[in-house]
Amino acid sequence: MTIALLAALICGPDGLSEEDFRRLHEQLKPPTSEPWRSIPWKISLVEAQNQAAREKKPVFIWAMDGNPLGCG
């Protein structure tokens, strides 16, 4: 299923049925073997800054605003 079709399903007038959601959710989940899944992500910026300072490592911040599919 393409991203355009997914966006049409989600942003369309009828929305997304629960069955469609469950099917898409399973299809879009990344494999558990993905390397980024082993990273100990922090939700608290302060906690991440403190740990980075202790370990003398940089902080990577992922931030976004809005729907990732561009729906309004």
N, C-alpha and C. Protein backbone atom coordinates (compact mmCIF):
# COMPACT_ATOMS: atom_id res chain seq x y z
N MET A 1 0.85 -1.17 0.00
CA MET A 1 0.00 0.00 0.00
C MET A 1 0.90 1.24 0.00
N THR A 2 0.61 2.15 -0.87
CA THR A 2 1.45 3.34 -0.96
C THR A 2 1.07 4.35 0.10
N ILE A 3 1.99 5.28 0.34
CA ILE A 3 1.73 6.34 1.31
C ILE A 3 0.56 7.21 0.86
N ALA A 4 0.45 7.45 -0.44
CA ALA A 4 -0.66 8.27 -0.94
C ALA A 4 -2.00 7.61 -0.64
N LEU A 5 -2.08 6.31 -0.83
CA LEU A 5 -3.31 5.58 -0.54
C LEU A 5 -3.60 5.60 0.96
N LEU A 6 -2.56 5.42 1.76
CA LEU A 6 -2.72 5.47 3.21
C LEU A 6 -3.24 6.84 3.64
N ALA A 7 -2.65 7.90 3.09
CA ALA A 7 -3.09 9.26 3.41
C ALA A 7 -4.54 9.47 3.00
N ALA A 8 -4.92 8.95 1.84
CA ALA A 8 -6.31 9.08 1.37
C ALA A 8 -7.26 8.36 2.31
N LEU A 9 -6.86 7.19 2.80
CA LEU A 9 -7.71 6.45 3.74
C LEU A 9 -7.90 7.22 5.04
N ILE A 10 -6.80 7.76 5.55
CA ILE A 10 -6.86 8.44 6.84
C ILE A 10 -7.55 9.79 6.74
N CYS A 11 -7.26 10.53 5.68
CA CYS A 11 -7.78 11.89 5.54
C CYS A 11 -9.12 11.94 4.80
N GLY A 12 -9.56 10.82 4.27
CA GLY A 12 -10.80 10.79 3.51
C GLY A 12 -12.02 11.08 4.38
N PRO A 13 -13.14 11.33 3.73
CA PRO A 13 -14.35 11.70 4.48
C PRO A 13 -14.87 10.59 5.40
N ASP A 14 -14.64 9.34 5.04
CA ASP A 14 -15.13 8.23 5.86
C ASP A 14 -14.12 7.80 6.92
N GLY A 15 -12.91 8.34 6.84
CA GLY A 15 -11.90 7.97 7.83
C GLY A 15 -11.39 6.56 7.59
N LEU A 16 -10.94 5.95 8.64
CA LEU A 16 -10.31 4.64 8.57
C LEU A 16 -11.09 3.70 9.48
N SER A 17 -11.53 2.57 8.93
CA SER A 17 -12.28 1.62 9.76
C SER A 17 -11.32 0.94 10.73
N GLU A 18 -11.87 0.36 11.77
CA GLU A 18 -11.03 -0.32 12.75
C GLU A 18 -10.30 -1.50 12.12
N GLU A 19 -10.96 -2.20 11.23
CA GLU A 19 -10.34 -3.33 10.54
C GLU A 19 -9.16 -2.86 9.67
N ASP A 20 -9.39 -1.76 8.92
CA ASP A 20 -8.31 -1.20 8.10
C ASP A 20 -7.14 -0.75 8.98
N PHE A 21 -7.47 -0.10 10.11
CA PHE A 21 -6.42 0.36 11.02
C PHE A 21 -5.58 -0.81 11.50
N ARG A 22 -6.22 -1.86 11.95
CA ARG A 22 -5.47 -3.01 12.48
C ARG A 22 -4.57 -3.63 11.41
N ARG A 23 -5.10 -3.75 10.20
CA ARG A 23 -4.32 -4.32 9.10
C ARG A 23 -3.13 -3.42 8.76
N LEU A 24 -3.37 -2.13 8.64
CA LEU A 24 -2.29 -1.19 8.33
C LEU A 24 -1.26 -1.14 9.45
N HIS A 25 -1.74 -1.18 10.68
CA HIS A 25 -0.83 -1.13 11.83
C HIS A 25 0.15 -2.30 11.77
N GLU A 26 -0.33 -3.48 11.47
CA GLU A 26 0.54 -4.64 11.37
C GLU A 26 1.51 -4.52 10.19
N GLN A 27 1.02 -4.00 9.07
CA GLN A 27 1.86 -3.86 7.88
C GLN A 27 2.95 -2.81 8.06
N LEU A 28 2.66 -1.78 8.83
CA LEU A 28 3.59 -0.65 8.95
C LEU A 28 4.56 -0.77 10.12
N LYS A 29 4.34 -1.74 11.01
CA LYS A 29 5.25 -1.90 12.14
C LYS A 29 6.63 -2.32 11.63
N PRO A 30 7.68 -1.64 12.09
CA PRO A 30 9.02 -2.05 11.67
C PRO A 30 9.40 -3.38 12.30
N PRO A 31 10.27 -4.12 11.64
CA PRO A 31 10.72 -5.40 12.21
C PRO A 31 11.39 -5.18 13.57
N THR A 32 11.25 -6.14 14.45
CA THR A 32 11.85 -6.02 15.78
C THR A 32 13.37 -6.05 15.72
N SER A 33 13.94 -6.48 14.59
CA SER A 33 15.39 -6.54 14.46
C SER A 33 16.02 -5.22 14.04
N GLU A 34 15.22 -4.17 13.84
CA GLU A 34 15.76 -2.87 13.44
C GLU A 34 16.73 -2.36 14.50
N PRO A 35 17.92 -1.89 14.09
CA PRO A 35 18.94 -1.44 15.06
C PRO A 35 18.47 -0.32 16.01
N TRP A 36 17.63 0.61 15.51
CA TRP A 36 17.22 1.72 16.36
C TRP A 36 16.36 1.28 17.54
N ARG A 37 15.81 0.07 17.47
CA ARG A 37 14.99 -0.42 18.58
C ARG A 37 15.83 -0.75 19.82
N SER A 38 17.14 -0.90 19.63
CA SER A 38 18.01 -1.21 20.77
C SER A 38 18.55 0.05 21.45
N ILE A 39 18.23 1.23 20.91
CA ILE A 39 18.70 2.50 21.49
C ILE A 39 17.85 2.81 22.72
N PRO A 40 18.47 3.15 23.84
CA PRO A 40 17.69 3.50 25.04
C PRO A 40 17.16 4.94 24.95
N TRP A 41 16.11 5.16 24.16
CA TRP A 41 15.55 6.49 23.95
C TRP A 41 15.07 7.09 25.27
N LYS A 42 15.21 8.40 25.40
CA LYS A 42 14.72 9.13 26.57
C LYS A 42 13.56 10.02 26.16
N ILE A 43 12.58 10.12 27.00
CA ILE A 43 11.46 11.01 26.74
C ILE A 43 11.73 12.38 27.37
N SER A 44 12.42 12.38 28.48
CA SER A 44 12.73 13.62 29.19
C SER A 44 14.02 14.23 28.64
N LEU A 45 13.92 15.47 28.15
CA LEU A 45 15.11 16.15 27.64
C LEU A 45 16.13 16.38 28.74
N VAL A 46 15.67 16.72 29.94
CA VAL A 46 16.59 16.95 31.06
C VAL A 46 17.35 15.67 31.39
N GLU A 47 16.64 14.56 31.44
CA GLU A 47 17.29 13.27 31.72
C GLU A 47 18.32 12.95 30.63
N ALA A 48 17.96 13.19 29.38
CA ALA A 48 18.89 12.93 28.27
C ALA A 48 20.12 13.83 28.36
N GLN A 49 19.92 15.12 28.69
CA GLN A 49 21.05 16.05 28.82
C GLN A 49 21.98 15.63 29.95
N ASN A 50 21.41 15.24 31.06
CA ASN A 50 22.24 14.81 32.20
C ASN A 50 23.05 13.57 31.86
N GLN A 51 22.41 12.60 31.22
CA GLN A 51 23.11 11.38 30.84
C GLN A 51 24.20 11.70 29.81
N ALA A 52 23.88 12.53 28.83
CA ALA A 52 24.87 12.89 27.80
C ALA A 52 26.07 13.60 28.42
N ALA A 53 25.82 14.46 29.38
CA ALA A 53 26.92 15.17 30.04
C ALA A 53 27.80 14.18 30.82
N ARG A 54 27.16 13.26 31.53
CA ARG A 54 27.92 12.26 32.29
C ARG A 54 28.79 11.40 31.38
N GLU A 55 28.23 11.02 30.23
CA GLU A 55 28.92 10.11 29.32
C GLU A 55 29.72 10.83 28.24
N LYS A 56 29.67 12.19 28.27
CA LYS A 56 30.36 13.01 27.26
C LYS A 56 29.97 12.59 25.84
N LYS A 57 28.65 12.51 25.63
CA LYS A 57 28.09 12.14 24.33
C LYS A 57 27.10 13.22 23.89
N PRO A 58 26.84 13.32 22.59
CA PRO A 58 25.86 14.31 22.11
C PRO A 58 24.43 13.84 22.36
N VAL A 59 23.50 14.77 22.25
CA VAL A 59 22.07 14.47 22.37
C VAL A 59 21.46 14.60 20.98
N PHE A 60 20.76 13.58 20.54
CA PHE A 60 20.04 13.62 19.28
C PHE A 60 18.58 13.91 19.60
N ILE A 61 18.03 14.97 19.03
CA ILE A 61 16.64 15.34 19.30
C ILE A 61 15.82 15.17 18.04
N TRP A 62 14.75 14.40 18.16
CA TRP A 62 13.80 14.23 17.06
C TRP A 62 12.54 14.98 17.46
N ALA A 63 12.22 16.03 16.70
CA ALA A 63 11.04 16.84 17.02
C ALA A 63 10.26 17.10 15.74
N MET A 64 8.96 17.12 15.86
CA MET A 64 8.12 17.42 14.70
C MET A 64 6.82 18.06 15.17
N ASP A 65 6.15 18.69 14.24
CA ASP A 65 4.88 19.32 14.54
C ASP A 65 3.91 18.97 13.43
N GLY A 66 2.77 18.47 13.79
CA GLY A 66 1.76 18.15 12.79
C GLY A 66 1.72 16.68 12.45
N ASN A 67 0.83 16.33 11.55
CA ASN A 67 0.63 14.97 11.13
C ASN A 67 1.74 14.55 10.16
N PRO A 68 2.40 13.41 10.39
CA PRO A 68 3.49 12.99 9.51
C PRO A 68 3.05 12.70 8.08
N LEU A 69 1.75 12.52 7.86
CA LEU A 69 1.24 12.28 6.51
C LEU A 69 0.81 13.57 5.83
N GLY A 70 0.93 14.68 6.52
CA GLY A 70 0.58 15.97 5.93
C GLY A 70 -0.91 16.24 5.92
N CYS A 71 -1.71 15.50 6.66
CA CYS A 71 -3.15 15.73 6.72
C CYS A 71 -3.43 16.97 7.56
N GLY A 72 -4.36 17.75 7.14
CA GLY A 72 -4.68 19.00 7.81
C GLY A 72 -5.63 18.88 8.90
